[in-house]
N, C-alpha and C. Protein backbone atom coordinates (compact mmCIF):
# COMPACT_ATOMS: atom_id res chain seq x y z
N MET A 1 27.55 53.18 -28.28
CA MET A 1 26.39 53.07 -27.40
C MET A 1 26.68 52.14 -26.22
N ILE A 2 27.43 51.05 -26.47
CA ILE A 2 27.71 50.13 -25.36
C ILE A 2 28.59 50.80 -24.32
N ALA A 3 29.52 51.64 -24.74
CA ALA A 3 30.39 52.35 -23.78
C ALA A 3 29.57 53.28 -22.91
N ARG A 4 28.57 53.94 -23.48
CA ARG A 4 27.70 54.82 -22.69
C ARG A 4 26.89 54.01 -21.68
N ALA A 5 26.44 52.82 -22.09
CA ALA A 5 25.67 51.97 -21.18
C ALA A 5 26.54 51.48 -20.02
N VAL A 6 27.77 51.09 -20.31
CA VAL A 6 28.70 50.66 -19.26
C VAL A 6 28.92 51.79 -18.27
N LYS A 7 29.15 53.00 -18.78
CA LYS A 7 29.38 54.16 -17.90
C LYS A 7 28.14 54.47 -17.05
N ALA A 8 26.97 54.44 -17.66
CA ALA A 8 25.73 54.73 -16.91
C ALA A 8 25.51 53.69 -15.82
N TRP A 9 25.74 52.41 -16.13
CA TRP A 9 25.51 51.34 -15.15
C TRP A 9 26.53 51.43 -14.01
N SER A 10 27.74 51.92 -14.30
CA SER A 10 28.76 52.03 -13.25
C SER A 10 28.37 53.04 -12.18
N LYS A 11 27.46 53.96 -12.50
CA LYS A 11 27.01 54.98 -11.54
C LYS A 11 25.82 54.51 -10.71
N VAL A 12 25.27 53.35 -11.03
CA VAL A 12 24.12 52.83 -10.30
C VAL A 12 24.62 51.94 -9.17
N ARG A 13 24.21 52.24 -7.95
CA ARG A 13 24.57 51.43 -6.78
C ARG A 13 23.40 50.56 -6.33
N THR A 14 22.19 51.10 -6.46
CA THR A 14 20.98 50.36 -6.12
C THR A 14 19.97 50.55 -7.24
N LEU A 15 19.00 49.65 -7.27
CA LEU A 15 18.00 49.71 -8.32
C LEU A 15 16.69 49.15 -7.80
N ARG A 16 15.62 49.82 -8.17
CA ARG A 16 14.26 49.29 -7.97
C ARG A 16 13.60 49.32 -9.33
N ALA A 17 12.87 48.25 -9.65
CA ALA A 17 12.21 48.19 -10.95
C ALA A 17 11.04 47.22 -10.88
N THR A 18 10.09 47.43 -11.77
CA THR A 18 9.06 46.43 -12.00
C THR A 18 9.30 45.89 -13.40
N PHE A 19 8.86 44.66 -13.64
CA PHE A 19 9.20 44.01 -14.90
C PHE A 19 8.10 43.06 -15.34
N GLU A 20 8.16 42.72 -16.61
CA GLU A 20 7.41 41.59 -17.14
C GLU A 20 8.41 40.72 -17.89
N GLN A 21 8.19 39.42 -17.83
CA GLN A 21 9.15 38.48 -18.40
C GLN A 21 8.41 37.40 -19.18
N THR A 22 9.02 36.98 -20.28
CA THR A 22 8.50 35.84 -21.04
C THR A 22 9.66 34.88 -21.27
N VAL A 23 9.49 33.64 -20.85
CA VAL A 23 10.47 32.59 -21.09
C VAL A 23 9.86 31.63 -22.11
N THR A 24 10.55 31.46 -23.24
CA THR A 24 10.05 30.62 -24.32
C THR A 24 10.98 29.43 -24.51
N ASN A 25 10.39 28.22 -24.49
CA ASN A 25 11.16 26.99 -24.65
C ASN A 25 10.76 26.34 -25.97
N PRO A 26 11.62 26.37 -26.99
CA PRO A 26 11.26 25.79 -28.28
C PRO A 26 11.15 24.26 -28.24
N ILE A 27 11.80 23.62 -27.28
CA ILE A 27 11.77 22.17 -27.18
C ILE A 27 10.38 21.69 -26.78
N THR A 28 9.79 22.40 -25.81
CA THR A 28 8.45 22.01 -25.34
C THR A 28 7.35 22.80 -26.04
N GLY A 29 7.75 23.85 -26.77
CA GLY A 29 6.76 24.69 -27.43
C GLY A 29 5.95 25.53 -26.45
N SER A 30 6.54 25.80 -25.28
CA SER A 30 5.81 26.53 -24.25
C SER A 30 6.39 27.93 -24.04
N ALA A 31 5.54 28.79 -23.52
CA ALA A 31 5.96 30.14 -23.13
C ALA A 31 5.35 30.44 -21.77
N MET A 32 6.17 30.95 -20.86
CA MET A 32 5.70 31.28 -19.52
C MET A 32 5.86 32.78 -19.32
N HIS A 33 4.78 33.42 -18.88
CA HIS A 33 4.79 34.86 -18.65
C HIS A 33 4.77 35.11 -17.15
N SER A 34 5.51 36.12 -16.72
CA SER A 34 5.53 36.48 -15.30
C SER A 34 5.74 37.98 -15.16
N ARG A 35 5.45 38.45 -13.95
CA ARG A 35 5.60 39.88 -13.62
C ARG A 35 6.09 39.98 -12.19
N GLY A 36 6.67 41.12 -11.87
CA GLY A 36 7.09 41.29 -10.49
C GLY A 36 7.89 42.55 -10.29
N GLU A 37 8.59 42.57 -9.14
CA GLU A 37 9.41 43.71 -8.75
C GLU A 37 10.79 43.20 -8.41
N LEU A 38 11.80 44.00 -8.71
CA LEU A 38 13.15 43.64 -8.29
C LEU A 38 13.79 44.80 -7.56
N GLN A 39 14.64 44.43 -6.61
CA GLN A 39 15.48 45.38 -5.91
C GLN A 39 16.90 44.84 -5.99
N GLN A 40 17.85 45.73 -6.16
CA GLN A 40 19.23 45.31 -6.28
C GLN A 40 20.13 46.27 -5.53
N ARG A 41 21.12 45.70 -4.86
CA ARG A 41 22.21 46.47 -4.26
C ARG A 41 23.51 45.83 -4.73
N LYS A 42 24.27 46.58 -5.49
CA LYS A 42 25.53 46.05 -6.00
C LYS A 42 26.49 45.81 -4.85
N PRO A 43 27.36 44.80 -4.91
CA PRO A 43 27.63 44.03 -6.10
C PRO A 43 26.85 42.73 -6.22
N ASN A 44 26.26 42.22 -5.14
CA ASN A 44 25.72 40.86 -5.23
C ASN A 44 24.44 40.62 -4.42
N ARG A 45 23.64 41.65 -4.28
CA ARG A 45 22.36 41.48 -3.58
C ARG A 45 21.23 41.77 -4.57
N LEU A 46 20.30 40.82 -4.64
CA LEU A 46 19.19 40.93 -5.57
C LEU A 46 17.97 40.29 -4.95
N ALA A 47 16.84 40.93 -5.09
CA ALA A 47 15.57 40.37 -4.61
C ALA A 47 14.54 40.52 -5.72
N ILE A 48 14.07 39.40 -6.21
CA ILE A 48 13.01 39.39 -7.22
C ILE A 48 11.79 38.77 -6.57
N THR A 49 10.73 39.55 -6.52
CA THR A 49 9.47 39.08 -5.95
C THR A 49 8.43 39.09 -7.05
N PHE A 50 7.95 37.92 -7.39
CA PHE A 50 6.97 37.81 -8.47
C PHE A 50 5.56 38.08 -7.95
N SER A 51 4.83 38.89 -8.69
CA SER A 51 3.40 39.07 -8.39
C SER A 51 2.59 38.07 -9.21
N ASP A 52 3.17 37.59 -10.31
CA ASP A 52 2.55 36.57 -11.14
C ASP A 52 3.67 35.72 -11.72
N PRO A 53 3.88 34.51 -11.25
CA PRO A 53 3.10 33.80 -10.24
C PRO A 53 3.42 34.29 -8.83
N ALA A 54 2.37 34.60 -8.11
CA ALA A 54 2.51 35.12 -6.75
C ALA A 54 3.21 34.10 -5.86
N GLY A 55 4.13 34.59 -5.03
CA GLY A 55 4.82 33.74 -4.08
C GLY A 55 6.19 33.28 -4.54
N ASP A 56 6.45 33.33 -5.83
CA ASP A 56 7.78 32.95 -6.33
C ASP A 56 8.77 34.06 -6.00
N ARG A 57 10.00 33.66 -5.60
CA ARG A 57 11.03 34.63 -5.26
C ARG A 57 12.41 34.11 -5.65
N ILE A 58 13.28 35.03 -5.99
CA ILE A 58 14.70 34.75 -6.18
C ILE A 58 15.45 35.76 -5.35
N ILE A 59 16.27 35.27 -4.43
CA ILE A 59 16.97 36.15 -3.50
C ILE A 59 18.47 35.85 -3.56
N ALA A 60 19.28 36.87 -3.79
CA ALA A 60 20.73 36.77 -3.67
C ALA A 60 21.11 37.57 -2.44
N ASP A 61 21.64 36.88 -1.41
CA ASP A 61 21.91 37.54 -0.13
C ASP A 61 23.37 37.94 0.06
N GLY A 62 24.19 37.77 -0.98
CA GLY A 62 25.60 38.09 -0.88
C GLY A 62 26.47 36.85 -0.76
N ALA A 63 25.92 35.78 -0.21
CA ALA A 63 26.65 34.51 -0.11
C ALA A 63 25.97 33.42 -0.93
N HIS A 64 24.64 33.43 -0.93
CA HIS A 64 23.86 32.41 -1.62
C HIS A 64 22.78 33.04 -2.50
N VAL A 65 22.36 32.27 -3.47
CA VAL A 65 21.19 32.61 -4.27
C VAL A 65 20.14 31.55 -3.96
N TRP A 66 18.95 32.00 -3.60
CA TRP A 66 17.83 31.14 -3.24
C TRP A 66 16.78 31.22 -4.35
N LEU A 67 16.44 30.09 -4.94
CA LEU A 67 15.38 30.02 -5.95
C LEU A 67 14.19 29.34 -5.32
N PHE A 68 13.20 30.13 -4.96
CA PHE A 68 11.99 29.61 -4.33
C PHE A 68 10.85 29.83 -5.31
N LEU A 69 10.48 28.77 -6.00
CA LEU A 69 9.48 28.85 -7.07
C LEU A 69 8.36 27.84 -6.82
N PRO A 70 7.52 28.10 -5.81
CA PRO A 70 6.47 27.13 -5.48
C PRO A 70 5.48 26.91 -6.61
N SER A 71 5.39 27.84 -7.57
CA SER A 71 4.49 27.64 -8.70
C SER A 71 4.96 26.49 -9.58
N ALA A 72 6.26 26.23 -9.60
CA ALA A 72 6.82 25.17 -10.45
C ALA A 72 7.28 23.97 -9.64
N THR A 73 7.90 24.21 -8.49
CA THR A 73 8.43 23.12 -7.65
C THR A 73 8.02 23.35 -6.20
N PRO A 74 6.77 23.05 -5.88
CA PRO A 74 6.31 23.28 -4.50
C PRO A 74 7.08 22.42 -3.51
N GLY A 75 7.30 22.99 -2.33
CA GLY A 75 7.93 22.24 -1.24
C GLY A 75 9.44 22.21 -1.27
N GLN A 76 10.06 22.98 -2.18
CA GLN A 76 11.53 23.00 -2.17
C GLN A 76 12.05 24.38 -2.54
N VAL A 77 13.27 24.63 -2.08
CA VAL A 77 14.00 25.84 -2.46
C VAL A 77 15.39 25.39 -2.86
N ILE A 78 15.92 25.96 -3.94
CA ILE A 78 17.27 25.65 -4.38
C ILE A 78 18.20 26.72 -3.83
N ARG A 79 19.28 26.27 -3.18
CA ARG A 79 20.27 27.19 -2.63
C ARG A 79 21.59 26.94 -3.34
N MET A 80 22.14 28.00 -3.96
CA MET A 80 23.43 27.92 -4.64
C MET A 80 24.34 28.99 -4.06
N THR A 81 25.64 28.76 -4.15
CA THR A 81 26.56 29.84 -3.81
C THR A 81 26.46 30.88 -4.93
N THR A 82 26.89 32.10 -4.66
CA THR A 82 26.84 33.11 -5.72
C THR A 82 27.74 32.71 -6.88
N ALA A 83 28.84 32.00 -6.61
CA ALA A 83 29.72 31.54 -7.70
C ALA A 83 29.00 30.53 -8.57
N GLN A 84 28.24 29.60 -7.97
CA GLN A 84 27.48 28.62 -8.75
C GLN A 84 26.39 29.29 -9.58
N ALA A 85 25.75 30.30 -9.00
CA ALA A 85 24.62 30.96 -9.66
C ALA A 85 25.08 31.85 -10.81
N GLY A 86 26.22 32.51 -10.65
CA GLY A 86 26.73 33.38 -11.70
C GLY A 86 26.05 34.73 -11.73
N ALA A 87 26.56 35.60 -12.59
CA ALA A 87 26.10 36.98 -12.67
C ALA A 87 24.65 37.09 -13.12
N SER A 88 24.17 36.12 -13.89
CA SER A 88 22.80 36.23 -14.39
C SER A 88 21.78 36.16 -13.26
N ASN A 89 22.18 35.63 -12.11
CA ASN A 89 21.27 35.56 -10.97
C ASN A 89 21.59 36.58 -9.88
N THR A 90 22.61 37.41 -10.07
CA THR A 90 22.92 38.43 -9.07
C THR A 90 22.98 39.83 -9.66
N ASP A 91 23.14 39.95 -10.97
CA ASP A 91 23.20 41.27 -11.61
C ASP A 91 22.60 41.14 -13.01
N LEU A 92 21.29 41.18 -13.07
CA LEU A 92 20.57 40.93 -14.33
C LEU A 92 21.00 41.86 -15.45
N ILE A 93 21.20 43.13 -15.14
CA ILE A 93 21.58 44.10 -16.17
C ILE A 93 23.09 44.12 -16.37
N GLY A 94 23.83 44.10 -15.28
CA GLY A 94 25.29 44.17 -15.36
C GLY A 94 25.92 43.00 -16.09
N GLN A 95 25.25 41.86 -16.15
CA GLN A 95 25.83 40.71 -16.85
C GLN A 95 26.14 41.03 -18.31
N PHE A 96 25.41 41.98 -18.89
CA PHE A 96 25.64 42.36 -20.29
C PHE A 96 26.71 43.44 -20.43
N LEU A 97 27.07 44.07 -19.31
CA LEU A 97 27.94 45.24 -19.36
C LEU A 97 29.30 45.05 -18.72
N ASP A 98 29.61 43.82 -18.32
CA ASP A 98 30.91 43.51 -17.73
C ASP A 98 31.88 43.17 -18.86
N ALA A 99 32.79 44.08 -19.19
CA ALA A 99 33.77 43.91 -20.27
C ALA A 99 33.11 43.44 -21.57
N PRO A 100 32.10 44.13 -22.04
CA PRO A 100 31.34 43.63 -23.20
C PRO A 100 32.16 43.48 -24.48
N ARG A 101 33.10 44.38 -24.73
CA ARG A 101 33.87 44.29 -25.99
C ARG A 101 34.78 43.07 -26.03
N SER A 102 35.24 42.60 -24.87
CA SER A 102 36.09 41.41 -24.86
C SER A 102 35.28 40.11 -24.80
N ARG A 103 34.04 40.20 -24.38
CA ARG A 103 33.22 38.99 -24.22
C ARG A 103 32.27 38.73 -25.38
N TYR A 104 31.87 39.78 -26.12
CA TYR A 104 30.85 39.64 -27.15
C TYR A 104 31.28 40.26 -28.47
N GLU A 105 30.71 39.73 -29.54
CA GLU A 105 30.68 40.43 -30.81
C GLU A 105 29.42 41.29 -30.73
N ILE A 106 29.54 42.58 -30.97
CA ILE A 106 28.42 43.51 -30.78
C ILE A 106 28.03 44.09 -32.13
N THR A 107 26.73 43.99 -32.46
CA THR A 107 26.23 44.59 -33.70
C THR A 107 25.01 45.45 -33.39
N ASP A 108 24.87 46.50 -34.17
CA ASP A 108 23.75 47.43 -34.02
C ASP A 108 22.49 46.80 -34.60
N ALA A 109 21.39 46.85 -33.87
CA ALA A 109 20.12 46.30 -34.34
C ALA A 109 19.10 47.41 -34.58
N GLY A 110 19.52 48.66 -34.56
CA GLY A 110 18.65 49.76 -34.94
C GLY A 110 17.91 50.43 -33.80
N SER A 111 17.17 51.47 -34.18
CA SER A 111 16.36 52.24 -33.23
C SER A 111 15.08 51.49 -32.92
N ASP A 112 14.59 51.68 -31.70
CA ASP A 112 13.35 51.04 -31.28
C ASP A 112 12.75 51.88 -30.16
N SER A 113 11.65 51.41 -29.62
CA SER A 113 11.00 52.08 -28.50
C SER A 113 10.60 51.03 -27.47
N VAL A 114 10.86 51.33 -26.20
CA VAL A 114 10.46 50.45 -25.10
C VAL A 114 9.66 51.30 -24.12
N ASN A 115 8.41 50.96 -23.93
CA ASN A 115 7.52 51.72 -23.03
C ASN A 115 7.51 53.20 -23.37
N GLY A 116 7.52 53.52 -24.66
CA GLY A 116 7.45 54.91 -25.10
C GLY A 116 8.77 55.66 -25.03
N ARG A 117 9.86 54.98 -24.67
CA ARG A 117 11.17 55.62 -24.59
C ARG A 117 12.00 55.20 -25.80
N ALA A 118 12.67 56.15 -26.41
CA ALA A 118 13.54 55.86 -27.55
C ALA A 118 14.73 55.03 -27.07
N THR A 119 15.03 53.95 -27.80
CA THR A 119 16.14 53.08 -27.45
C THR A 119 16.94 52.73 -28.70
N ARG A 120 18.13 52.21 -28.44
CA ARG A 120 18.97 51.64 -29.49
C ARG A 120 19.19 50.19 -29.11
N ALA A 121 18.91 49.28 -30.04
CA ALA A 121 19.07 47.86 -29.76
C ALA A 121 20.45 47.40 -30.24
N LEU A 122 21.08 46.55 -29.44
CA LEU A 122 22.37 45.95 -29.78
C LEU A 122 22.26 44.45 -29.60
N VAL A 123 22.87 43.70 -30.50
CA VAL A 123 22.93 42.25 -30.39
C VAL A 123 24.32 41.87 -29.88
N LEU A 124 24.35 41.03 -28.85
CA LEU A 124 25.60 40.57 -28.24
C LEU A 124 25.70 39.06 -28.48
N VAL A 125 26.74 38.64 -29.16
CA VAL A 125 26.97 37.22 -29.40
C VAL A 125 28.25 36.84 -28.67
N ALA A 126 28.17 35.80 -27.86
CA ALA A 126 29.32 35.37 -27.07
C ALA A 126 30.50 35.00 -27.97
N LYS A 127 31.67 35.53 -27.65
CA LYS A 127 32.88 35.16 -28.37
C LYS A 127 33.29 33.75 -27.98
N PRO A 128 33.99 33.03 -28.86
CA PRO A 128 34.43 31.66 -28.54
C PRO A 128 35.21 31.63 -27.23
N GLY A 129 34.94 30.59 -26.45
CA GLY A 129 35.64 30.39 -25.19
C GLY A 129 35.06 31.12 -23.99
N GLN A 130 34.02 31.92 -24.21
CA GLN A 130 33.40 32.64 -23.09
C GLN A 130 32.41 31.72 -22.36
N ALA A 131 32.54 31.63 -21.05
CA ALA A 131 31.63 30.83 -20.23
C ALA A 131 30.49 31.74 -19.77
N LEU A 132 29.45 31.80 -20.56
CA LEU A 132 28.32 32.69 -20.29
C LEU A 132 27.03 31.87 -20.20
N PRO A 133 26.02 32.38 -19.50
CA PRO A 133 24.76 31.65 -19.41
C PRO A 133 23.91 31.76 -20.68
N PHE A 134 24.39 32.51 -21.66
CA PHE A 134 23.65 32.67 -22.91
C PHE A 134 24.64 32.70 -24.07
N ILE A 135 24.14 32.38 -25.27
CA ILE A 135 25.00 32.43 -26.45
C ILE A 135 24.74 33.69 -27.26
N ARG A 136 23.55 34.26 -27.06
CA ARG A 136 23.17 35.47 -27.79
C ARG A 136 22.24 36.29 -26.92
N ALA A 137 22.39 37.59 -26.99
CA ALA A 137 21.49 38.48 -26.26
C ALA A 137 21.22 39.71 -27.10
N LYS A 138 20.11 40.33 -26.82
CA LYS A 138 19.78 41.61 -27.43
C LYS A 138 19.39 42.53 -26.29
N VAL A 139 19.97 43.72 -26.28
CA VAL A 139 19.67 44.70 -25.24
C VAL A 139 19.16 45.97 -25.89
N TRP A 140 18.21 46.61 -25.23
CA TRP A 140 17.65 47.87 -25.69
C TRP A 140 18.12 48.94 -24.72
N ILE A 141 18.94 49.87 -25.19
CA ILE A 141 19.57 50.89 -24.35
C ILE A 141 18.86 52.22 -24.56
N ASP A 142 18.45 52.84 -23.45
CA ASP A 142 17.72 54.11 -23.48
C ASP A 142 18.58 55.19 -24.14
N ALA A 143 18.00 55.91 -25.08
CA ALA A 143 18.73 56.95 -25.81
C ALA A 143 19.10 58.13 -24.92
N LYS A 144 18.37 58.36 -23.83
CA LYS A 144 18.66 59.51 -22.95
C LYS A 144 19.59 59.15 -21.80
N ASP A 145 19.21 58.14 -20.99
CA ASP A 145 20.01 57.87 -19.80
C ASP A 145 20.97 56.69 -19.97
N SER A 146 20.95 56.03 -21.12
CA SER A 146 21.86 54.92 -21.46
C SER A 146 21.70 53.68 -20.59
N LEU A 147 20.57 53.54 -19.89
CA LEU A 147 20.30 52.34 -19.10
C LEU A 147 19.56 51.32 -19.96
N ILE A 148 19.81 50.05 -19.68
CA ILE A 148 19.11 48.99 -20.40
C ILE A 148 17.66 48.97 -19.93
N ARG A 149 16.74 49.04 -20.89
CA ARG A 149 15.31 49.04 -20.59
C ARG A 149 14.65 47.71 -20.89
N GLN A 150 15.32 46.89 -21.69
CA GLN A 150 14.78 45.58 -22.05
C GLN A 150 15.94 44.71 -22.50
N PHE A 151 15.84 43.41 -22.24
CA PHE A 151 16.85 42.50 -22.75
C PHE A 151 16.22 41.16 -23.06
N GLU A 152 16.86 40.46 -23.98
CA GLU A 152 16.44 39.11 -24.35
C GLU A 152 17.69 38.28 -24.51
N SER A 153 17.73 37.13 -23.86
CA SER A 153 18.89 36.25 -23.97
C SER A 153 18.44 34.85 -24.38
N THR A 154 19.31 34.15 -25.10
CA THR A 154 19.03 32.79 -25.55
C THR A 154 20.17 31.90 -25.09
N ASP A 155 19.80 30.79 -24.41
CA ASP A 155 20.84 29.88 -23.91
C ASP A 155 21.16 28.80 -24.96
N ARG A 156 22.07 27.91 -24.61
CA ARG A 156 22.53 26.88 -25.53
C ARG A 156 21.42 25.91 -25.95
N ASN A 157 20.38 25.79 -25.15
CA ASN A 157 19.26 24.90 -25.49
C ASN A 157 18.19 25.60 -26.31
N GLY A 158 18.40 26.89 -26.61
CA GLY A 158 17.42 27.63 -27.39
C GLY A 158 16.35 28.30 -26.56
N VAL A 159 16.41 28.15 -25.23
CA VAL A 159 15.44 28.78 -24.35
C VAL A 159 15.74 30.28 -24.31
N SER A 160 14.72 31.09 -24.56
CA SER A 160 14.93 32.54 -24.54
C SER A 160 14.16 33.17 -23.39
N ARG A 161 14.74 34.23 -22.85
CA ARG A 161 14.15 34.98 -21.74
C ARG A 161 14.12 36.44 -22.15
N ARG A 162 12.93 37.02 -22.19
CA ARG A 162 12.79 38.44 -22.53
C ARG A 162 12.26 39.17 -21.31
N VAL A 163 13.00 40.18 -20.87
CA VAL A 163 12.62 40.96 -19.69
C VAL A 163 12.47 42.42 -20.12
N ARG A 164 11.29 42.96 -19.87
CA ARG A 164 11.03 44.38 -20.12
C ARG A 164 10.87 45.05 -18.77
N LEU A 165 11.68 46.09 -18.53
CA LEU A 165 11.59 46.84 -17.29
C LEU A 165 10.51 47.90 -17.47
N LEU A 166 9.44 47.77 -16.70
CA LEU A 166 8.29 48.67 -16.83
C LEU A 166 8.56 50.00 -16.14
N THR A 167 9.13 49.92 -14.94
CA THR A 167 9.58 51.10 -14.22
C THR A 167 11.03 50.85 -13.83
N LEU A 168 11.81 51.90 -13.72
CA LEU A 168 13.23 51.77 -13.44
C LEU A 168 13.66 52.96 -12.61
N SER A 169 14.11 52.70 -11.37
CA SER A 169 14.55 53.78 -10.47
C SER A 169 15.97 53.49 -10.01
N PRO A 170 16.97 54.03 -10.72
CA PRO A 170 18.36 53.82 -10.29
C PRO A 170 18.66 54.62 -9.03
N ASN A 171 19.51 54.05 -8.19
CA ASN A 171 19.95 54.67 -6.94
C ASN A 171 18.79 55.00 -6.01
N ALA A 172 17.77 54.18 -6.06
CA ALA A 172 16.61 54.33 -5.18
C ALA A 172 16.89 53.65 -3.84
N THR A 173 16.10 54.00 -2.84
CA THR A 173 16.20 53.33 -1.56
C THR A 173 15.68 51.91 -1.71
N VAL A 174 16.46 50.94 -1.20
CA VAL A 174 16.03 49.54 -1.24
C VAL A 174 15.86 49.04 0.19
N ASP A 175 15.08 47.99 0.32
CA ASP A 175 14.76 47.41 1.62
C ASP A 175 15.76 46.31 1.94
N SER A 176 16.62 46.51 2.94
CA SER A 176 17.65 45.51 3.29
C SER A 176 17.04 44.16 3.62
N ALA A 177 15.85 44.14 4.21
CA ALA A 177 15.20 42.88 4.56
C ALA A 177 14.84 42.07 3.33
N ALA A 178 14.70 42.73 2.18
CA ALA A 178 14.34 42.01 0.95
C ALA A 178 15.43 41.05 0.52
N PHE A 179 16.68 41.28 0.98
CA PHE A 179 17.80 40.45 0.56
C PHE A 179 18.08 39.30 1.53
N ARG A 180 17.15 39.02 2.43
CA ARG A 180 17.27 37.89 3.35
C ARG A 180 16.19 36.87 3.01
N PHE A 181 16.57 35.60 2.99
CA PHE A 181 15.60 34.55 2.72
C PHE A 181 15.50 33.64 3.93
N THR A 182 14.30 33.43 4.40
CA THR A 182 14.02 32.50 5.48
C THR A 182 13.27 31.32 4.89
N VAL A 183 13.80 30.14 5.10
CA VAL A 183 13.18 28.94 4.54
C VAL A 183 11.83 28.70 5.23
N PRO A 184 10.75 28.67 4.45
CA PRO A 184 9.44 28.42 5.05
C PRO A 184 9.37 27.03 5.68
N SER A 185 8.54 26.90 6.68
CA SER A 185 8.35 25.62 7.35
C SER A 185 7.89 24.56 6.35
N GLY A 186 8.51 23.39 6.44
CA GLY A 186 8.12 22.28 5.59
C GLY A 186 8.75 22.30 4.19
N VAL A 187 9.58 23.29 3.92
CA VAL A 187 10.21 23.39 2.60
C VAL A 187 11.61 22.78 2.67
N ARG A 188 11.93 21.91 1.72
CA ARG A 188 13.20 21.22 1.66
C ARG A 188 14.22 22.07 0.90
N VAL A 189 15.45 22.18 1.44
CA VAL A 189 16.53 22.93 0.80
C VAL A 189 17.34 21.96 -0.06
N VAL A 190 17.49 22.29 -1.33
CA VAL A 190 18.25 21.48 -2.28
C VAL A 190 19.44 22.31 -2.75
N SER A 191 20.64 21.73 -2.66
CA SER A 191 21.85 22.43 -3.10
C SER A 191 22.54 21.61 -4.17
N PRO A 192 22.94 22.24 -5.28
CA PRO A 192 23.66 21.50 -6.30
C PRO A 192 25.03 21.08 -5.79
N PRO A 193 25.59 20.00 -6.36
CA PRO A 193 26.91 19.53 -5.89
C PRO A 193 28.02 20.52 -6.21
């Protein structure tokens, strides 16, 4: 199943999707829910526009990734190079499909359904020595088109992120302007060292 997903994703050049996301932090006992739309142009352009919380955006413009989250950190935007940000911030789906057999131990988690579509779930556990933004992930792969319809990843701190793609349009027309970020007036740019 993972080989079929890799092959299907290799045929996707652009993507438009709507999503819902839940980030759960066991340390604080909190869960944050969000919704929005994403557009992607491979290899390194991504635009995530949140409708809830409205105004939050994540933009990968090919050189930098901009995290503008006024709902959490008003008055600032974080700017990272694409190398600093990593694949999890430029290719949300592809991060699970880049050489998966060499990077993960893969186990079958059974049949399931996502938004009424038959899927097969796989658990991906990072192999020793892999520098990944997560230690464990679960992906739900569509039984018909082999595209990932939902994923959940857990980082080293136990924080989990579950993303369900509500609509998914591979090779759709994307808006080039969506991949440009203009710093709003009065907003401070913060860059990691």
